Amino acid sequence: MEVLAERLKALSDPTRLRVVRLLDHGELCVCDLMEALDLPQSKVSRHMSFLKKSGWVTSRRSGKWVYYSLATPEDPIQARISTVLRQDLKQVPQAGEDYQRLCDYLKTKDQETCNQVD
């Protein structure tokens, strides 16, 4: 029960919910998230650390960069919550604005473009 409580606590912050929506796009580095969220590196890194410790995201290192992606849920409750978040956060206006900023930023980096229907 404590593990579930910690996982849910990680989602109690609006910025972390915004991150979950952005990671629905796929693997992103802190610099991508900084641009989309319009937040400094220290804040983004702190939120990513919290999400990683609570099992919502995973990371991999490539050189000096750390790339984050949504974790595969470890239990059925987390899986259901993850599914609902991925579906319903698309309807939240601020999350949509963040996602559009991410798409615009990634286009300037010559990366794959976002699907606006997402």
C-alpha atoms as a PDB file:
ATOM      1  CA  MET A   1       0.000   0.000   0.000  1.00  0.00           C
ATOM      2  CA  GLU A   2       2.900   2.369   0.758  1.00  0.00           C
ATOM      3  CA  VAL A   3       4.367   1.901  -2.716  1.00  0.00           C
ATOM      4  CA  LEU A   4       1.023   2.771  -4.312  1.00  0.00           C
ATOM      5  CA  ALA A   5       0.695   5.827  -2.082  1.00  0.00           C
ATOM      6  CA  GLU A   6       4.166   7.032  -3.154  1.00  0.00           C
ATOM      7  CA  ARG A   7       3.301   6.493  -6.828  1.00  0.00           C
ATOM      8  CA  LEU A   8       0.106   8.485  -6.452  1.00  0.00           C
ATOM      9  CA  LYS A   9       1.921  11.205  -4.521  1.00  0.00           C
ATOM     10  CA  ALA A  10       4.232  11.646  -7.508  1.00  0.00           C
ATOM     11  CA  LEU A  11       1.212  12.580  -9.618  1.00  0.00           C
ATOM     12  CA  SER A  12      -0.022  15.201  -7.152  1.00  0.00           C
ATOM     13  CA  ASP A  13       2.063  17.942  -8.767  1.00  0.00           C
ATOM     14  CA  PRO A  14       0.772  19.729 -11.899  1.00  0.00           C
ATOM     15  CA  THR A  15       4.251  19.905 -13.449  1.00  0.00           C
ATOM     16  CA  ARG A  16       4.717  16.166 -13.146  1.00  0.00           C
ATOM     17  CA  LEU A  17       1.360  15.581 -14.821  1.00  0.00           C
ATOM     18  CA  ARG A  18       2.498  17.883 -17.622  1.00  0.00           C
ATOM     19  CA  VAL A  19       5.663  15.784 -17.955  1.00  0.00           C
ATOM     20  CA  VAL A  20       3.623  12.581 -18.226  1.00  0.00           C
ATOM     21  CA  ARG A  21       1.691  14.112 -21.117  1.00  0.00           C
ATOM     22  CA  LEU A  22       4.887  15.194 -22.874  1.00  0.00           C
ATOM     23  CA  LEU A  23       6.515  11.786 -22.471  1.00  0.00           C
ATOM     24  CA  ASP A  24       3.540  10.289 -24.260  1.00  0.00           C
ATOM     25  CA  HIS A  25       5.321  11.676 -27.354  1.00  0.00           C
ATOM     26  CA  GLY A  26       8.232   9.356 -26.677  1.00  0.00           C
ATOM     27  CA  GLU A  27      11.715   9.524 -25.232  1.00  0.00           C
ATOM     28  CA  LEU A  28      12.845  13.065 -24.352  1.00  0.00           C
ATOM     29  CA  CYS A  29      15.849  14.669 -22.687  1.00  0.00           C
ATOM     30  CA  VAL A  30      15.696  17.334 -19.984  1.00  0.00           C
ATOM     31  CA  CYS A  31      16.476  20.025 -22.562  1.00  0.00           C
ATOM     32  CA  ASP A  32      13.359  19.041 -24.550  1.00  0.00           C
ATOM     33  CA  LEU A  33      11.242  19.139 -21.414  1.00  0.00           C
ATOM     34  CA  MET A  34      12.698  22.498 -20.381  1.00  0.00           C
ATOM     35  CA  GLU A  35      11.621  24.021 -23.678  1.00  0.00           C
ATOM     36  CA  ALA A  36       8.126  22.557 -23.585  1.00  0.00           C
ATOM     37  CA  LEU A  37       7.483  23.417 -19.930  1.00  0.00           C
ATOM     38  CA  ASP A  38       9.327  26.749 -19.976  1.00  0.00           C
ATOM     39  CA  LEU A  39      11.081  25.813 -16.738  1.00  0.00           C
ATOM     40  CA  PRO A  40      14.743  25.856 -15.665  1.00  0.00           C
ATOM     41  CA  GLN A  41      16.862  22.727 -15.786  1.00  0.00           C
ATOM     42  CA  SER A  42      17.014  22.371 -11.998  1.00  0.00           C
ATOM     43  CA  LYS A  43      13.227  22.208 -11.649  1.00  0.00           C
ATOM     44  CA  VAL A  44      12.783  19.789 -14.536  1.00  0.00           C
ATOM     45  CA  SER A  45      15.543  17.526 -13.221  1.00  0.00           C
ATOM     46  CA  ARG A  46      14.021  17.520  -9.737  1.00  0.00           C
ATOM     47  CA  HIS A  47      10.619  16.496 -11.110  1.00  0.00           C
ATOM     48  CA  MET A  48      12.196  13.809 -13.285  1.00  0.00           C
ATOM     49  CA  SER A  49      14.027  12.392 -10.296  1.00  0.00           C
ATOM     50  CA  PHE A  50      10.780  12.202  -8.337  1.00  0.00           C
ATOM     51  CA  LEU A  51       8.941  10.516 -11.228  1.00  0.00           C
ATOM     52  CA  LYS A  52      11.779   8.040 -11.702  1.00  0.00           C
ATOM     53  CA  LYS A  53      11.959   7.105  -8.004  1.00  0.00           C
ATOM     54  CA  SER A  54       8.220   6.542  -7.936  1.00  0.00           C
ATOM     55  CA  GLY A  55       8.277   4.265 -10.983  1.00  0.00           C
ATOM     56  CA  TRP A  56       6.522   6.457 -13.558  1.00  0.00           C
ATOM     57  CA  VAL A  57       9.520   7.047 -15.818  1.00  0.00           C
ATOM     58  CA  THR A  58      12.719   5.286 -16.790  1.00  0.00           C
ATOM     59  CA  SER A  59      15.938   6.803 -18.028  1.00  0.00           C
ATOM     60  CA  ARG A  60      18.929   5.911 -20.123  1.00  0.00           C
ATOM     61  CA  ARG A  61      22.210   7.723 -20.489  1.00  0.00           C
ATOM     62  CA  SER A  62      23.791   8.475 -23.843  1.00  0.00           C
ATOM     63  CA  GLY A  63      27.022  10.396 -23.445  1.00  0.00           C
ATOM     64  CA  LYS A  64      26.280  13.452 -21.353  1.00  0.00           C
ATOM     65  CA  TRP A  65      22.531  13.278 -22.013  1.00  0.00           C
ATOM     66  CA  VAL A  66      19.883  11.462 -20.009  1.00  0.00           C
ATOM     67  CA  TYR A  67      16.764  10.459 -21.906  1.00  0.00           C
ATOM     68  CA  TYR A  68      13.480   9.773 -20.145  1.00  0.00           C
ATOM     69  CA  SER A  69      10.469   7.746 -21.191  1.00  0.00           C
ATOM     70  CA  LEU A  70       7.299   6.482 -19.554  1.00  0.00           C
ATOM     71  CA  ALA A  71       7.898   3.311 -17.578  1.00  0.00           C
ATOM     72  CA  THR A  72       6.066   0.095 -18.169  1.00  0.00           C
ATOM     73  CA  PRO A  73       3.651  -0.091 -15.227  1.00  0.00           C
ATOM     74  CA  GLU A  74       4.694  -2.511 -12.513  1.00  0.00           C
ATOM     75  CA  ASP A  75       1.219  -3.434 -11.263  1.00  0.00           C
ATOM     76  CA  PRO A  76      -2.377  -3.440 -12.554  1.00  0.00           C
ATOM     77  CA  ILE A  77      -3.428  -0.323 -10.656  1.00  0.00           C
ATOM     78  CA  GLN A  78      -0.509   1.685 -12.010  1.00  0.00           C
ATOM     79  CA  ALA A  79      -1.276   0.371 -15.500  1.00  0.00           C
ATOM     80  CA  ARG A  80      -4.892   1.545 -15.307  1.00  0.00           C
ATOM     81  CA  ILE A  81      -3.884   4.950 -13.955  1.00  0.00           C
ATOM     82  CA  SER A  82      -1.266   5.293 -16.697  1.00  0.00           C
ATOM     83  CA  THR A  83      -3.827   4.463 -19.376  1.00  0.00           C
ATOM     84  CA  VAL A  84      -6.323   7.003 -18.046  1.00  0.00           C
ATOM     85  CA  LEU A  85      -3.648   9.702 -17.783  1.00  0.00           C
ATOM     86  CA  ARG A  86      -2.371   9.101 -21.311  1.00  0.00           C
ATOM     87  CA  GLN A  87      -5.903   9.324 -22.698  1.00  0.00           C
ATOM     88  CA  ASP A  88      -7.340  12.139 -20.638  1.00  0.00           C
ATOM     89  CA  LEU A  89      -4.409  14.535 -20.242  1.00  0.00           C
ATOM     90  CA  LYS A  90      -4.792  15.248 -23.965  1.00  0.00           C
ATOM     91  CA  GLN A  91      -7.978  17.150 -23.066  1.00  0.00           C
ATOM     92  CA  VAL A  92      -6.299  19.499 -20.556  1.00  0.00           C
ATOM     93  CA  PRO A  93      -5.587  22.890 -22.190  1.00  0.00           C
ATOM     94  CA  GLN A  94      -2.223  23.516 -20.485  1.00  0.00           C
ATOM     95  CA  ALA A  95      -1.027  20.040 -21.425  1.00  0.00           C
ATOM     96  CA  GLY A  96      -2.029  20.745 -25.033  1.00  0.00           C
ATOM     97  CA  GLU A  97      -0.090  24.009 -25.027  1.00  0.00           C
ATOM     98  CA  ASP A  98       2.981  22.240 -23.624  1.00  0.00           C
ATOM     99  CA  TYR A  99       2.688  19.552 -26.274  1.00  0.00           C
ATOM    100  CA  GLN A 100       2.451  22.155 -29.042  1.00  0.00           C
ATOM    101  CA  ARG A 101       5.554  23.935 -27.687  1.00  0.00           C
ATOM    102  CA  LEU A 102       7.355  20.593 -27.681  1.00  0.00           C
ATOM    103  CA  CYS A 103       6.324  19.933 -31.291  1.00  0.00           C
ATOM    104  CA  ASP A 104       7.480  23.374 -32.401  1.00  0.00           C
ATOM    105  CA  TYR A 105      10.787  22.939 -30.585  1.00  0.00           C
ATOM    106  CA  LEU A 106      11.415  19.472 -32.001  1.00  0.00           C
ATOM    107  CA  LYS A 107      10.750  20.760 -35.518  1.00  0.00           C
ATOM    108  CA  THR A 108      13.548  23.288 -35.033  1.00  0.00           C
ATOM    109  CA  LYS A 109      15.847  20.465 -33.908  1.00  0.00           C
ATOM    110  CA  ASP A 110      15.076  18.568 -37.133  1.00  0.00           C
ATOM    111  CA  GLN A 111      13.505  15.709 -35.243  1.00  0.00           C
ATOM    112  CA  GLU A 112      10.320  13.869 -36.087  1.00  0.00           C
ATOM    113  CA  THR A 113       7.295  16.083 -35.920  1.00  0.00           C
ATOM    114  CA  CYS A 114       4.406  15.550 -33.580  1.00  0.00           C
ATOM    115  CA  ASN A 115       1.062  14.238 -34.621  1.00  0.00           C
ATOM    116  CA  GLN A 116      -1.384  17.024 -33.771  1.00  0.00           C
ATOM    117  CA  VAL A 117      -4.153  14.479 -33.271  1.00  0.00           C
ATOM    118  CA  ASP A 118      -2.262  12.926 -30.339  1.00  0.00           C
END
